């Protein structure tokens, strides 16, 4: 359902920040850490089709709660969005 909904979204040139935790299959002991990062990057790259201005940032060492585990990444993403709106 989510993929179908995303396919209908047209954000065009709206700035979008995507923070991705590189452990999409953390509970699977048969997936190497390097593969987890590669899988997360591939998922994030799929988000780039939503808008012409998408930035995907990996958040290694974070749980699902990136704002708690890696708040600096969230702050940087918000600062980039504000700068974009202000024309910077």
PDB file of N, CA and C in Angstrom:
ATOM      1  N   UNK A   1       0.827  -1.192   0.000  1.00  0.00           N
ATOM      2  CA  UNK A   1       0.000   0.000   0.000  1.00  0.00           C
ATOM      3  C   UNK A   1       0.867   1.250   0.000  1.00  0.00           C
ATOM      4  N   UNK A   2       1.907   1.310   0.806  1.00  0.00           N
ATOM      5  CA  UNK A   2       2.748   2.499   0.880  1.00  0.00           C
ATOM      6  C   UNK A   2       3.418   2.798  -0.450  1.00  0.00           C
ATOM      7  N   UNK A   3       3.908   1.771  -1.141  1.00  0.00           N
ATOM      8  CA  UNK A   3       4.547   1.984  -2.436  1.00  0.00           C
ATOM      9  C   UNK A   3       3.559   2.563  -3.438  1.00  0.00           C
ATOM     10  N   UNK A   4       2.338   2.089  -3.421  1.00  0.00           N
ATOM     11  CA  UNK A   4       1.318   2.606  -4.330  1.00  0.00           C
ATOM     12  C   UNK A   4       1.006   4.062  -4.010  1.00  0.00           C
ATOM     13  N   UNK A   5       0.933   4.387  -2.734  1.00  0.00           N
ATOM     14  CA  UNK A   5       0.676   5.768  -2.333  1.00  0.00           C
ATOM     15  C   UNK A   5       1.826   6.679  -2.740  1.00  0.00           C
ATOM     16  N   UNK A   6       3.058   6.230  -2.532  1.00  0.00           N
ATOM     17  CA  UNK A   6       4.211   7.030  -2.923  1.00  0.00           C
ATOM     18  C   UNK A   6       4.264   7.242  -4.430  1.00  0.00           C
ATOM     19  N   UNK A   7       3.832   6.260  -5.188  1.00  0.00           N
ATOM     20  CA  UNK A   7       3.854   6.380  -6.648  1.00  0.00           C
ATOM     21  C   UNK A   7       2.920   7.487  -7.132  1.00  0.00           C
ATOM     22  N   UNK A   8       1.903   7.812  -6.350  1.00  0.00           N
ATOM     23  CA  UNK A   8       0.954   8.866  -6.724  1.00  0.00           C
ATOM     24  C   UNK A   8       1.411  10.249  -6.280  1.00  0.00           C
ATOM     25  N   UNK A   9       2.441  10.331  -5.471  1.00  0.00           N
ATOM     26  CA  UNK A   9       2.915  11.614  -4.945  1.00  0.00           C
ATOM     27  C   UNK A   9       3.760  12.319  -5.992  1.00  0.00           C
ATOM     28  N   UNK A  10       3.501  13.595  -6.184  1.00  0.00           N
ATOM     29  CA  UNK A  10       4.297  14.402  -7.109  1.00  0.00           C
ATOM     30  C   UNK A  10       4.782  15.644  -6.361  1.00  0.00           C
ATOM     31  N   UNK A  11       5.956  15.577  -5.788  1.00  0.00           N
ATOM     32  CA  UNK A  11       6.496  16.699  -5.024  1.00  0.00           C
ATOM     33  C   UNK A  11       7.297  17.659  -5.898  1.00  0.00           C
ATOM     34  N   UNK A  12       7.563  17.264  -7.121  1.00  0.00           N
ATOM     35  CA  UNK A  12       8.287  18.043  -8.117  1.00  0.00           C
ATOM     36  C   UNK A  12       9.591  18.617  -7.577  1.00  0.00           C
ATOM     37  N   UNK A  13       9.608  19.918  -7.276  1.00  0.00           N
ATOM     38  CA  UNK A  13      10.866  20.536  -6.848  1.00  0.00           C
ATOM     39  C   UNK A  13      10.883  20.874  -5.358  1.00  0.00           C
ATOM     40  N   UNK A  14       9.974  20.306  -4.588  1.00  0.00           N
ATOM     41  CA  UNK A  14       9.954  20.525  -3.145  1.00  0.00           C
ATOM     42  C   UNK A  14      11.165  19.851  -2.508  1.00  0.00           C
ATOM     43  N   UNK A  15      11.861  20.551  -1.638  1.00  0.00           N
ATOM     44  CA  UNK A  15      13.021  19.977  -0.949  1.00  0.00           C
ATOM     45  C   UNK A  15      12.554  18.891   0.018  1.00  0.00           C
ATOM     46  N   UNK A  16      13.208  17.740  -0.049  1.00  0.00           N
ATOM     47  CA  UNK A  16      12.861  16.602   0.799  1.00  0.00           C
ATOM     48  C   UNK A  16      14.137  16.066   1.435  1.00  0.00           C
ATOM     49  N   UNK A  17      14.116  15.858   2.724  1.00  0.00           N
ATOM     50  CA  UNK A  17      15.228  15.254   3.454  1.00  0.00           C
ATOM     51  C   UNK A  17      14.779  13.877   3.934  1.00  0.00           C
ATOM     52  N   UNK A  18      15.567  12.856   3.639  1.00  0.00           N
ATOM     53  CA  UNK A  18      15.257  11.493   4.058  1.00  0.00           C
ATOM     54  C   UNK A  18      16.409  10.988   4.912  1.00  0.00           C
ATOM     55  N   UNK A  19      16.116  10.617   6.139  1.00  0.00           N
ATOM     56  CA  UNK A  19      17.114  10.014   7.027  1.00  0.00           C
ATOM     57  C   UNK A  19      16.817   8.529   7.093  1.00  0.00           C
ATOM     58  N   UNK A  20      17.842   7.721   6.820  1.00  0.00           N
ATOM     59  CA  UNK A  20      17.651   6.270   6.723  1.00  0.00           C
ATOM     60  C   UNK A  20      18.567   5.558   7.705  1.00  0.00           C
ATOM     61  N   UNK A  21      18.005   4.685   8.500  1.00  0.00           N
ATOM     62  CA  UNK A  21      18.791   3.837   9.396  1.00  0.00           C
ATOM     63  C   UNK A  21      19.304   2.658   8.572  1.00  0.00           C
ATOM     64  N   UNK A  22      20.616   2.441   8.523  1.00  0.00           N
ATOM     65  CA  UNK A  22      21.151   1.384   7.661  1.00  0.00           C
ATOM     66  C   UNK A  22      21.054  -0.024   8.244  1.00  0.00           C
ATOM     67  N   UNK A  23      19.993  -0.314   8.966  1.00  0.00           N
ATOM     68  CA  UNK A  23      19.788  -1.661   9.497  1.00  0.00           C
ATOM     69  C   UNK A  23      18.384  -2.142   9.176  1.00  0.00           C
ATOM     70  N   UNK A  24      18.033  -2.194   7.879  1.00  0.00           N
ATOM     71  CA  UNK A  24      16.657  -2.576   7.561  1.00  0.00           C
ATOM     72  C   UNK A  24      16.325  -4.021   7.923  1.00  0.00           C
ATOM     73  N   UNK A  25      17.361  -4.844   8.073  1.00  0.00           N
ATOM     74  CA  UNK A  25      17.131  -6.245   8.419  1.00  0.00           C
ATOM     75  C   UNK A  25      17.979  -6.604   9.638  1.00  0.00           C
ATOM     76  N   UNK A  26      17.932  -5.735  10.649  1.00  0.00           N
ATOM     77  CA  UNK A  26      18.789  -5.892  11.824  1.00  0.00           C
ATOM     78  C   UNK A  26      18.572  -7.221  12.540  1.00  0.00           C
ATOM     79  N   UNK A  27      17.380  -7.763  12.463  1.00  0.00           N
ATOM     80  CA  UNK A  27      17.111  -9.008  13.185  1.00  0.00           C
ATOM     81  C   UNK A  27      17.599 -10.246  12.433  1.00  0.00           C
ATOM     82  N   UNK A  28      18.075 -10.059  11.205  1.00  0.00           N
ATOM     83  CA  UNK A  28      18.531 -11.192  10.405  1.00  0.00           C
ATOM     84  C   UNK A  28      20.042 -11.368  10.580  1.00  0.00           C
ATOM     85  N   UNK A  29      20.481 -12.407  11.295  1.00  0.00           N
ATOM     86  CA  UNK A  29      21.916 -12.583  11.561  1.00  0.00           C
ATOM     87  C   UNK A  29      22.718 -12.998  10.332  1.00  0.00           C
ATOM     88  N   UNK A  30      22.052 -13.299   9.235  1.00  0.00           N
ATOM     89  CA  UNK A  30      22.746 -13.762   8.037  1.00  0.00           C
ATOM     90  C   UNK A  30      23.081 -12.637   7.059  1.00  0.00           C
ATOM     91  N   UNK A  31      22.702 -11.414   7.396  1.00  0.00           N
ATOM     92  CA  UNK A  31      23.011 -10.280   6.529  1.00  0.00           C
ATOM     93  C   UNK A  31      24.180  -9.511   7.140  1.00  0.00           C
ATOM     94  N   UNK A  32      25.250  -9.377   6.374  1.00  0.00           N
ATOM     95  CA  UNK A  32      26.455  -8.680   6.847  1.00  0.00           C
ATOM     96  C   UNK A  32      26.174  -7.186   7.006  1.00  0.00           C
ATOM     97  N   UNK A  33      26.914  -6.540   7.915  1.00  0.00           N
ATOM     98  CA  UNK A  33      26.730  -5.104   8.151  1.00  0.00           C
ATOM     99  C   UNK A  33      26.890  -4.290   6.873  1.00  0.00           C
ATOM    100  N   UNK A  34      27.869  -4.644   6.044  1.00  0.00           N
ATOM    101  CA  UNK A  34      28.072  -3.896   4.796  1.00  0.00           C
ATOM    102  C   UNK A  34      26.862  -4.032   3.882  1.00  0.00           C
ATOM    103  N   UNK A  35      26.226  -5.190   3.898  1.00  0.00           N
ATOM    104  CA  UNK A  35      25.022  -5.368   3.084  1.00  0.00           C
ATOM    105  C   UNK A  35      23.850  -4.567   3.636  1.00  0.00           C
ATOM    106  N   UNK A  36      23.774  -4.434   4.949  1.00  0.00           N
ATOM    107  CA  UNK A  36      22.712  -3.620   5.554  1.00  0.00           C
ATOM    108  C   UNK A  36      22.816  -2.179   5.068  1.00  0.00           C
ATOM    109  N   UNK A  37      24.037  -1.650   5.056  1.00  0.00           N
ATOM    110  CA  UNK A  37      24.252  -0.274   4.602  1.00  0.00           C
ATOM    111  C   UNK A  37      23.873  -0.154   3.123  1.00  0.00           C
ATOM    112  N   UNK A  38      24.255  -1.137   2.323  1.00  0.00           N
ATOM    113  CA  UNK A  38      23.947  -1.119   0.890  1.00  0.00           C
ATOM    114  C   UNK A  38      22.439  -1.180   0.660  1.00  0.00           C
ATOM    115  N   UNK A  39      21.739  -2.014   1.426  1.00  0.00           N
ATOM    116  CA  UNK A  39      20.285  -2.121   1.296  1.00  0.00           C
ATOM    117  C   UNK A  39      19.595  -0.816   1.684  1.00  0.00           C
ATOM    118  N   UNK A  40      20.060  -0.193   2.767  1.00  0.00           N
ATOM    119  CA  UNK A  40      19.473   1.074   3.206  1.00  0.00           C
ATOM    120  C   UNK A  40      19.708   2.163   2.159  1.00  0.00           C
ATOM    121  N   UNK A  41      20.898   2.192   1.575  1.00  0.00           N
ATOM    122  CA  UNK A  41      21.202   3.185   0.541  1.00  0.00           C
ATOM    123  C   UNK A  41      20.309   2.984  -0.675  1.00  0.00           C
ATOM    124  N   UNK A  42      20.069   1.743  -1.050  1.00  0.00           N
ATOM    125  CA  UNK A  42      19.200   1.451  -2.190  1.00  0.00           C
ATOM    126  C   UNK A  42      17.768   1.894  -1.898  1.00  0.00           C
ATOM    127  N   UNK A  43      17.303   1.665  -0.678  1.00  0.00           N
ATOM    128  CA  UNK A  43      15.957   2.102  -0.304  1.00  0.00           C
ATOM    129  C   UNK A  43      15.874   3.619  -0.377  1.00  0.00           C
ATOM    130  N   UNK A  44      16.892   4.283   0.167  1.00  0.00           N
ATOM    131  CA  UNK A  44      16.914   5.740   0.131  1.00  0.00           C
ATOM    132  C   UNK A  44      16.952   6.272  -1.283  1.00  0.00           C
ATOM    133  N   UNK A  45      17.674   5.611  -2.153  1.00  0.00           N
ATOM    134  CA  UNK A  45      17.753   6.043  -3.541  1.00  0.00           C
ATOM    135  C   UNK A  45      16.390   5.978  -4.211  1.00  0.00           C
ATOM    136  N   UNK A  46      15.573   5.028  -3.810  1.00  0.00           N
ATOM    137  CA  UNK A  46      14.219   4.945  -4.350  1.00  0.00           C
ATOM    138  C   UNK A  46      13.391   6.158  -3.994  1.00  0.00           C
ATOM    139  N   UNK A  47      13.678   6.782  -2.876  1.00  0.00           N
ATOM    140  CA  UNK A  47      12.966   7.994  -2.462  1.00  0.00           C
ATOM    141  C   UNK A  47      13.301   9.171  -3.367  1.00  0.00           C
ATOM    142  N   UNK A  48      14.434   9.120  -4.033  1.00  0.00           N
ATOM    143  CA  UNK A  48      14.865  10.225  -4.876  1.00  0.00           C
ATOM    144  C   UNK A  48      13.950  10.452  -6.071  1.00  0.00           C
ATOM    145  N   UNK A  49      13.097   9.501  -6.374  1.00  0.00           N
ATOM    146  CA  UNK A  49      12.167   9.678  -7.489  1.00  0.00           C
ATOM    147  C   UNK A  49      10.978  10.566  -7.114  1.00  0.00           C
ATOM    148  N   UNK A  50      10.826  10.905  -5.833  1.00  0.00           N
ATOM    149  CA  UNK A  50       9.691  11.708  -5.385  1.00  0.00           C
ATOM    150  C   UNK A  50       9.805  13.181  -5.748  1.00  0.00           C
ATOM    151  N   UNK A  51      11.029  13.682  -5.805  1.00  0.00           N
ATOM    152  CA  UNK A  51      11.249  15.113  -6.015  1.00  0.00           C
ATOM    153  C   UNK A  51      12.577  15.307  -6.711  1.00  0.00           C
ATOM    154  N   UNK A  52      12.748  16.458  -7.316  1.00  0.00           N
ATOM    155  CA  UNK A  52      14.033  16.768  -7.955  1.00  0.00           C
ATOM    156  C   UNK A  52      15.074  17.220  -6.939  1.00  0.00           C
ATOM    157  N   UNK A  53      14.644  17.482  -5.693  1.00  0.00           N
ATOM    158  CA  UNK A  53      15.557  17.955  -4.648  1.00  0.00           C
ATOM    159  C   UNK A  53      15.472  17.076  -3.410  1.00  0.00           C
ATOM    160  N   UNK A  54      15.903  15.829  -3.546  1.00  0.00           N
ATOM    161  CA  UNK A  54      15.882  14.895  -2.420  1.00  0.00           C
ATOM    162  C   UNK A  54      17.311  14.662  -1.955  1.00  0.00           C
ATOM    163  N   UNK A  55      17.508  14.728  -0.655  1.00  0.00           N
ATOM    164  CA  UNK A  55      18.804  14.391  -0.074  1.00  0.00           C
ATOM    165  C   UNK A  55      18.574  13.219   0.871  1.00  0.00           C
ATOM    166  N   UNK A  56      19.297  12.143   0.644  1.00  0.00           N
ATOM    167  CA  UNK A  56      19.202  10.948   1.482  1.00  0.00           C
ATOM    168  C   UNK A  56      20.445  10.885   2.348  1.00  0.00           C
ATOM    169  N   UNK A  57      20.263  10.789   3.662  1.00  0.00           N
ATOM    170  CA  UNK A  57      21.368  10.717   4.615  1.00  0.00           C
ATOM    171  C   UNK A  57      21.243   9.426   5.415  1.00  0.00           C
ATOM    172  N   UNK A  58      22.303   8.631   5.415  1.00  0.00           N
ATOM    173  CA  UNK A  58      22.323   7.429   6.254  1.00  0.00           C
ATOM    174  C   UNK A  58      22.609   7.828   7.693  1.00  0.00           C
ATOM    175  N   UNK A  59      21.968   7.148   8.631  1.00  0.00           N
ATOM    176  CA  UNK A  59      22.137   7.420  10.061  1.00  0.00           C
ATOM    177  C   UNK A  59      22.674   6.178  10.760  1.00  0.00           C
ATOM    178  N   UNK A  60      23.950   5.825  10.499  1.00  0.00           N
ATOM    179  CA  UNK A  60      24.508   4.632  11.153  1.00  0.00           C
ATOM    180  C   UNK A  60      24.551   4.801  12.664  1.00  0.00           C
ATOM    181  N   UNK A  61      24.376   3.708  13.369  1.00  0.00           N
ATOM    182  CA  UNK A  61      24.417   3.745  14.825  1.00  0.00           C
ATOM    183  C   UNK A  61      23.129   4.221  15.455  1.00  0.00           C
ATOM    184  N   UNK A  62      22.088   4.354  14.649  1.00  0.00           N
ATOM    185  CA  UNK A  62      20.817   4.843  15.160  1.00  0.00           C
ATOM    186  C   UNK A  62      19.778   3.728  15.144  1.00  0.00           C
ATOM    187  N   UNK A  63      18.820   3.868  16.040  1.00  0.00           N
ATOM    188  CA  UNK A  63      17.648   3.014  16.001  1.00  0.00           C
ATOM    189  C   UNK A  63      16.618   3.726  15.132  1.00  0.00           C
ATOM    190  N   UNK A  64      15.387   3.264  15.174  1.00  0.00           N
ATOM    191  CA  UNK A  64      14.297   3.918  14.448  1.00  0.00           C
ATOM    192  C   UNK A  64      14.123   5.368  14.911  1.00  0.00           C
ATOM    193  N   UNK A  65      14.497   5.653  16.140  1.00  0.00           N
ATOM    194  CA  UNK A  65      14.332   6.993  16.719  1.00  0.00           C
ATOM    195  C   UNK A  65      15.588   7.833  16.456  1.00  0.00           C
ATOM    196  N   UNK A  66      15.796   8.213  15.233  1.00  0.00           N
ATOM    197  CA  UNK A  66      16.992   8.959  14.832  1.00  0.00           C
ATOM    198  C   UNK A  66      17.111  10.256  15.623  1.00  0.00           C
ATOM    199  N   UNK A  67      15.985  10.902  15.909  1.00  0.00           N
ATOM    200  CA  UNK A  67      16.034  12.176  16.637  1.00  0.00           C
ATOM    201  C   UNK A  67      16.615  12.015  18.044  1.00  0.00           C
ATOM    202  N   UNK A  68      16.543  10.826  18.606  1.00  0.00           N
ATOM    203  CA  UNK A  68      17.140  10.584  19.921  1.00  0.00           C
ATOM    204  C   UNK A  68      18.582  10.112  19.800  1.00  0.00           C
ATOM    205  N   UNK A  69      18.821   9.218  18.857  1.00  0.00           N
ATOM    206  CA  UNK A  69      20.140   8.596  18.740  1.00  0.00           C
ATOM    207  C   UNK A  69      21.148   9.438  17.972  1.00  0.00           C
ATOM    208  N   UNK A  70      20.701  10.163  16.966  1.00  0.00           N
ATOM    209  CA  UNK A  70      21.590  10.977  16.132  1.00  0.00           C
ATOM    210  C   UNK A  70      20.957  12.350  15.894  1.00  0.00           C
ATOM    211  N   UNK A  71      20.701  13.114  16.973  1.00  0.00           N
ATOM    212  CA  UNK A  71      19.991  14.385  16.807  1.00  0.00           C
ATOM    213  C   UNK A  71      20.719  15.367  15.892  1.00  0.00           C
ATOM    214  N   UNK A  72      22.034  15.252  15.799  1.00  0.00           N
ATOM    215  CA  UNK A  72      22.770  16.179  14.938  1.00  0.00           C
ATOM    216  C   UNK A  72      22.369  16.017  13.471  1.00  0.00           C
ATOM    217  N   UNK A  73      22.015  14.798  13.059  1.00  0.00           N
ATOM    218  CA  UNK A  73      21.589  14.582  11.679  1.00  0.00           C
ATOM    219  C   UNK A  73      20.235  15.228  11.408  1.00  0.00           C
ATOM    220  N   UNK A  74      19.353  15.163  12.381  1.00  0.00           N
ATOM    221  CA  UNK A  74      18.029  15.780  12.250  1.00  0.00           C
ATOM    222  C   UNK A  74      18.174  17.297  12.211  1.00  0.00           C
ATOM    223  N   UNK A  75      19.001  17.841  13.082  1.00  0.00           N
ATOM    224  CA  UNK A  75      19.228  19.289  13.116  1.00  0.00           C
ATOM    225  C   UNK A  75      19.803  19.772  11.786  1.00  0.00           C
ATOM    226  N   UNK A  76      20.791  19.050  11.269  1.00  0.00           N
ATOM    227  CA  UNK A  76      21.390  19.431   9.984  1.00  0.00           C
ATOM    228  C   UNK A  76      20.365  19.381   8.858  1.00  0.00           C
ATOM    229  N   UNK A  77      19.505  18.372   8.861  1.00  0.00           N
ATOM    230  CA  UNK A  77      18.478  18.254   7.822  1.00  0.00           C
ATOM    231  C   UNK A  77      17.491  19.422   7.900  1.00  0.00           C
ATOM    232  N   UNK A  78      17.071  19.763   9.100  1.00  0.00           N
ATOM    233  CA  UNK A  78      16.143  20.885   9.275  1.00  0.00           C
ATOM    234  C   UNK A  78      16.811  22.186   8.847  1.00  0.00           C
ATOM    235  N   UNK A  79      18.067  22.368   9.217  1.00  0.00           N
ATOM    236  CA  UNK A  79      18.786  23.588   8.817  1.00  0.00           C
ATOM    237  C   UNK A  79      18.885  23.695   7.292  1.00  0.00           C
ATOM    238  N   UNK A  80      19.115  22.566   6.604  1.00  0.00           N
ATOM    239  CA  UNK A  80      19.166  22.602   5.142  1.00  0.00           C
ATOM    240  C   UNK A  80      17.810  22.978   4.556  1.00  0.00           C
ATOM    241  N   UNK A  81      16.724  22.437   5.128  1.00  0.00           N
ATOM    242  CA  UNK A  81      15.391  22.774   4.635  1.00  0.00           C
ATOM    243  C   UNK A  81      15.071  24.253   4.846  1.00  0.00           C
ATOM    244  N   UNK A  82      15.415  24.770   6.006  1.00  0.00           N
ATOM    245  CA  UNK A  82      15.177  26.196   6.293  1.00  0.00           C
ATOM    246  C   UNK A  82      15.986  27.055   5.326  1.00  0.00           C
ATOM    247  N   UNK A  83      17.239  26.705   5.090  1.00  0.00           N
ATOM    248  CA  UNK A  83      18.075  27.465   4.156  1.00  0.00           C
ATOM    249  C   UNK A  83      17.477  27.440   2.754  1.00  0.00           C
ATOM    250  N   UNK A  84      16.920  26.313   2.356  1.00  0.00           N
ATOM    251  CA  UNK A  84      16.295  26.210   1.037  1.00  0.00           C
ATOM    252  C   UNK A  84      15.101  27.139   0.930  1.00  0.00           C
ATOM    253  N   UNK A  85      14.264  27.159   1.953  1.00  0.00           N
ATOM    254  CA  UNK A  85      13.078  28.020   1.953  1.00  0.00           C
ATOM    255  C   UNK A  85      13.492  29.493   1.930  1.00  0.00           C
ATOM    256  N   UNK A  86      14.572  29.802   2.643  1.00  0.00           N
ATOM    257  CA  UNK A  86      15.050  31.199   2.699  1.00  0.00           C
ATOM    258  C   UNK A  86      15.847  31.588   1.462  1.00  0.00           C
ATOM    259  N   UNK A  87      16.062  30.614   0.571  1.00  0.00           N
ATOM    260  CA  UNK A  87      16.773  30.925  -0.657  1.00  0.00           C
ATOM    261  C   UNK A  87      18.282  30.811  -0.545  1.00  0.00           C
ATOM    262  N   UNK A  88      18.759  30.102   0.487  1.00  0.00           N
ATOM    263  CA  UNK A  88      20.204  29.992   0.697  1.00  0.00           C
ATOM    264  C   UNK A  88      20.832  28.758   0.209  1.00  0.00           C
TER     265      UNK A  88
END
